[in-house]
Amino acid sequence: MTKNLAIIIGLLCFLTAKGQDTKKITIDDKFFRTKEAFYVLKDNPEIRHGEYKRTSGKLKTIGQYENNKRIGIWESFGENGRLIQTIDFSNNTVTTKTINVIFDLESLKCWVKQNDVFVEVKPEQAPAFIGGYNTLYNFIGSTLRYPADARRNGTQGKVIISVVITKDGEIIDETVEKGLGHGLDEEALRVIKLIPDEWVAGKVNGQQADIKILIPITFRLG
């Protein structure tokens, strides 16, 4: 009986281990100018499981997946190799190590919806893009195109887009809040809608919440 039980346990362990066999996937995304390397389950390539690494120019993010879920500590590094962001996915806590001179979300306003109306709040944790806002603006810069009409008219400046970062880390409800015309508003909105759902939700009163933020897109000739 004991021998048979040992055989059964051994077989189950073998099958479990076999089911978690992984293979490495590498993606070189020319559109977003990023490279990703991660592992998926051999018997289900849709499930990420294991180490993860993404590079965007000289920016780098490393972390770990378990059955398609981000786990543990994820770290992102800037162009100089210094740590710029740490995310602890055990409690969805974000620590920014350096001030981002391109886009500092902490200095911008945030809103939550109460009774169908957005009310300004100061969250304990603002929504954060995984990899930091330099990485976000690499995504934006790689896809942004200057509209011909705006170029002909010499129109430049800043378009402000509002978005909602949900408690599940998705980006939704993209809206032009302040535009410039001549095709710049449409181009800014197009690019914002391409941003991937790679966010850590903000926190209000200790709870993850849907939070509205503003993302500025600057168009500059020359």
Protein backbone atom coordinates (compact mmCIF):
# COMPACT_ATOMS: atom_id res chain seq x y z
CA MET A 1 0.00 0.00 0.00
CA THR A 2 2.79 2.39 0.98
CA LYS A 3 4.73 1.49 -2.16
CA ASN A 4 1.70 2.09 -4.38
CA LEU A 5 1.05 5.44 -2.67
CA ALA A 6 4.65 6.48 -3.26
CA ILE A 7 4.34 5.58 -6.93
CA ILE A 8 1.13 7.61 -7.28
CA ILE A 9 2.67 10.63 -5.54
CA GLY A 10 5.75 10.40 -7.72
CA LEU A 11 3.62 10.20 -10.85
CA LEU A 12 1.59 13.24 -9.81
CA CYS A 13 4.75 15.22 -9.13
CA PHE A 14 6.10 14.23 -12.53
CA LEU A 15 2.92 15.26 -14.32
CA THR A 16 2.78 18.55 -12.43
CA ALA A 17 6.37 19.35 -13.28
CA LYS A 18 5.80 18.37 -16.89
CA GLY A 19 2.73 20.58 -17.08
CA GLN A 20 4.84 23.54 -15.96
CA ASP A 21 7.56 23.05 -18.57
CA THR A 22 8.30 26.37 -20.24
CA LYS A 23 9.84 27.73 -23.40
CA LYS A 24 11.40 31.12 -24.04
CA ILE A 25 9.72 33.67 -26.30
CA THR A 26 11.50 36.71 -27.73
CA ILE A 27 9.62 39.57 -29.38
CA ASP A 28 11.30 42.44 -31.20
CA ASP A 29 8.56 45.04 -31.67
CA LYS A 30 9.73 47.50 -34.31
CA PHE A 31 6.52 49.52 -33.98
CA PHE A 32 7.05 50.34 -30.29
CA ARG A 33 10.86 49.95 -30.49
CA THR A 34 10.88 47.44 -27.66
CA LYS A 35 12.26 43.96 -27.10
CA GLU A 36 10.67 41.43 -24.76
CA ALA A 37 11.95 38.09 -23.51
CA PHE A 38 9.73 35.87 -21.37
CA TYR A 39 8.69 32.28 -20.79
CA VAL A 40 5.39 30.56 -21.54
CA LEU A 41 4.01 27.14 -20.70
CA LYS A 42 4.83 24.64 -23.42
CA ASP A 43 1.36 23.13 -23.26
CA ASN A 44 -0.33 26.58 -23.26
CA PRO A 45 1.70 29.33 -24.96
CA GLU A 46 -0.89 31.93 -23.91
CA ILE A 47 0.25 31.59 -20.27
CA ARG A 48 3.37 33.48 -19.24
CA HIS A 49 5.30 31.73 -16.51
CA GLY A 50 8.81 32.64 -15.40
CA GLU A 51 11.29 35.44 -15.85
CA TYR A 52 10.40 38.53 -17.87
CA LYS A 53 12.60 41.24 -19.39
CA ARG A 54 11.70 44.24 -21.53
CA THR A 55 14.08 46.78 -23.02
CA SER A 56 13.07 50.05 -24.65
CA GLY A 57 16.17 51.77 -25.93
CA LYS A 58 18.41 51.99 -22.86
CA LEU A 59 15.49 51.48 -20.46
CA LYS A 60 14.98 48.06 -18.90
CA THR A 61 12.28 46.32 -16.85
CA ILE A 62 12.66 42.89 -15.24
CA GLY A 63 10.18 40.80 -13.30
CA GLN A 64 8.46 37.46 -12.89
CA TYR A 65 5.20 35.86 -14.04
CA GLU A 66 3.35 32.99 -12.44
CA ASN A 67 0.50 31.51 -14.50
CA ASN A 68 0.06 34.78 -16.43
CA LYS A 69 0.08 36.93 -13.29
CA ARG A 70 2.81 39.39 -12.38
CA ILE A 71 4.29 38.43 -9.03
CA GLY A 72 6.99 39.56 -6.62
CA ILE A 73 9.23 42.56 -7.17
CA TRP A 74 9.52 44.17 -10.59
CA GLU A 75 12.32 46.66 -11.20
CA SER A 76 12.87 49.24 -13.92
CA PHE A 77 16.14 50.96 -14.75
CA GLY A 78 16.87 54.24 -16.52
CA GLU A 79 19.30 55.10 -19.28
CA ASN A 80 22.16 55.38 -16.81
CA GLY A 81 21.41 51.94 -15.34
CA ARG A 82 20.06 53.36 -12.09
CA LEU A 83 16.92 51.94 -10.51
CA ILE A 84 13.99 54.28 -11.25
CA GLN A 85 10.94 52.22 -10.23
CA THR A 86 10.12 49.27 -7.99
CA ILE A 87 6.72 47.56 -7.98
CA ASP A 88 5.76 45.00 -5.35
CA PHE A 89 2.93 43.01 -6.92
CA SER A 90 2.16 41.24 -3.65
CA ASN A 91 0.44 44.45 -2.53
CA ASN A 92 0.52 46.54 -5.76
CA THR A 93 2.81 49.14 -4.22
CA VAL A 94 4.91 51.41 -6.42
CA THR A 95 8.11 53.15 -5.38
CA THR A 96 9.62 55.76 -7.69
CA LYS A 97 13.34 56.11 -7.08
CA THR A 98 14.06 59.17 -9.20
CA ILE A 99 12.09 62.18 -10.37
CA ASN A 100 11.00 61.87 -13.97
CA VAL A 101 11.72 65.17 -15.71
CA ILE A 102 9.63 64.21 -18.76
CA PHE A 103 6.40 63.47 -17.01
CA ASP A 104 5.90 63.57 -13.27
CA LEU A 105 2.42 62.20 -12.56
CA GLU A 106 2.74 63.03 -8.88
CA SER A 107 2.49 66.73 -9.71
CA LEU A 108 -0.69 66.32 -11.77
CA LYS A 109 -4.26 66.23 -10.62
CA CYS A 110 -6.23 63.01 -10.13
CA TRP A 111 -9.97 62.42 -9.96
CA VAL A 112 -12.29 59.59 -8.90
CA LYS A 113 -15.94 59.22 -9.85
CA GLN A 114 -18.52 59.80 -7.14
CA ASN A 115 -22.22 59.74 -8.05
CA ASP A 116 -21.34 59.92 -11.76
CA VAL A 117 -19.21 63.04 -11.23
CA PHE A 118 -15.40 63.14 -11.16
CA VAL A 119 -14.10 64.63 -7.93
CA GLU A 120 -10.49 65.74 -7.45
CA VAL A 121 -8.53 63.68 -4.95
CA LYS A 122 -5.00 63.31 -3.66
CA PRO A 123 -4.43 59.54 -3.86
CA GLU A 124 -2.05 57.74 -1.53
CA GLN A 125 -0.63 56.21 -4.71
CA ALA A 126 -1.09 57.64 -8.18
CA PRO A 127 -1.53 55.25 -11.13
CA ALA A 128 1.84 54.12 -12.47
CA PHE A 129 2.93 52.84 -15.85
CA ILE A 130 5.03 49.70 -15.52
CA GLY A 131 8.55 50.75 -16.45
CA GLY A 132 8.08 54.39 -15.55
CA TYR A 133 6.99 57.37 -17.59
CA ASN A 134 10.17 57.49 -19.66
CA THR A 135 9.11 54.09 -20.98
CA LEU A 136 5.60 55.38 -21.58
CA TYR A 137 6.91 58.31 -23.58
CA ASN A 138 9.12 55.97 -25.58
CA PHE A 139 5.89 54.22 -26.61
CA ILE A 140 4.29 57.56 -27.46
CA GLY A 141 7.30 58.94 -29.30
CA SER A 142 7.64 55.83 -31.43
CA THR A 143 4.12 56.22 -32.84
CA LEU A 144 3.49 59.97 -32.87
CA ARG A 145 3.32 61.58 -36.32
CA TYR A 146 3.09 65.32 -37.08
CA PRO A 147 -0.08 65.96 -39.11
CA ALA A 148 0.58 67.64 -42.47
CA ASP A 149 -2.09 70.31 -41.88
CA ALA A 150 -0.52 71.32 -38.57
CA ARG A 151 2.93 71.42 -40.14
CA ARG A 152 1.71 73.64 -43.00
CA ASN A 153 0.07 76.04 -40.53
CA GLY A 154 3.01 76.04 -38.12
CA THR A 155 0.77 74.80 -35.31
CA GLN A 156 2.56 73.46 -32.26
CA GLY A 157 1.98 73.14 -28.54
CA LYS A 158 0.48 70.73 -26.07
CA VAL A 159 -2.62 68.55 -26.38
CA ILE A 160 -4.05 67.34 -23.07
CA ILE A 161 -5.72 63.92 -23.03
CA SER A 162 -7.63 62.59 -20.04
CA VAL A 163 -7.76 58.85 -19.38
CA VAL A 164 -9.05 56.59 -16.64
CA ILE A 165 -6.70 54.00 -15.18
CA THR A 166 -8.92 51.28 -13.76
CA LYS A 167 -8.38 49.27 -10.61
CA ASP A 168 -7.41 46.38 -12.92
CA GLY A 169 -4.61 48.38 -14.54
CA GLU A 170 -6.39 49.11 -17.83
CA ILE A 171 -6.44 52.46 -19.63
CA ILE A 172 -9.90 53.55 -20.82
CA ASP A 173 -12.09 56.57 -21.63
CA GLU A 174 -9.47 58.50 -23.60
CA THR A 175 -10.75 62.06 -24.18
CA VAL A 176 -9.29 65.29 -25.55
CA GLU A 177 -9.46 67.89 -22.76
CA LYS A 178 -7.47 70.66 -24.43
CA GLY A 179 -6.72 70.66 -28.14
CA LEU A 180 -4.88 72.61 -30.80
CA GLY A 181 -6.74 71.67 -33.98
CA HIS A 182 -5.22 71.03 -37.42
CA GLY A 183 -5.23 67.28 -36.81
CA LEU A 184 -3.11 67.38 -33.65
CA ASP A 185 -6.00 66.42 -31.36
CA GLU A 186 -6.87 63.38 -33.43
CA GLU A 187 -3.24 62.29 -33.63
CA ALA A 188 -2.71 62.62 -29.88
CA LEU A 189 -5.89 60.63 -29.21
CA ARG A 190 -4.86 57.93 -31.70
CA VAL A 191 -1.51 57.46 -29.99
CA ILE A 192 -2.95 57.42 -26.46
CA LYS A 193 -5.38 54.67 -27.50
CA LEU A 194 -2.37 52.51 -28.48
CA ILE A 195 -0.88 52.59 -24.97
CA PRO A 196 -0.93 49.04 -23.57
CA ASP A 197 -2.83 48.06 -20.41
CA GLU A 198 0.37 47.90 -18.36
CA TRP A 199 -0.51 50.01 -15.34
CA VAL A 200 -0.60 49.64 -11.59
CA ALA A 201 -3.81 51.12 -10.21
CA GLY A 202 -3.79 54.10 -7.91
CA LYS A 203 -5.03 53.87 -4.34
CA VAL A 204 -7.60 56.00 -2.52
CA ASN A 205 -8.41 55.36 1.13
CA GLY A 206 -6.19 52.29 1.04
CA GLN A 207 -8.09 50.70 -1.85
CA GLN A 208 -7.29 50.40 -5.54
CA ALA A 209 -9.59 52.69 -7.50
CA ASP A 210 -10.47 53.85 -11.00
CA ILE A 211 -8.60 57.15 -11.28
CA LYS A 212 -8.74 59.80 -13.99
CA ILE A 213 -5.45 61.45 -14.92
CA LEU A 214 -4.16 63.81 -17.60
CA ILE A 215 -1.49 62.93 -20.14
CA PRO A 216 0.10 65.83 -22.05
CA ILE A 217 1.30 65.28 -25.63
CA THR A 218 3.69 67.96 -26.89
CA PHE A 219 4.00 68.75 -30.60
CA ARG A 220 7.03 70.82 -31.52
CA LEU A 221 8.19 71.74 -35.02
CA GLY A 222 11.86 71.39 -35.82
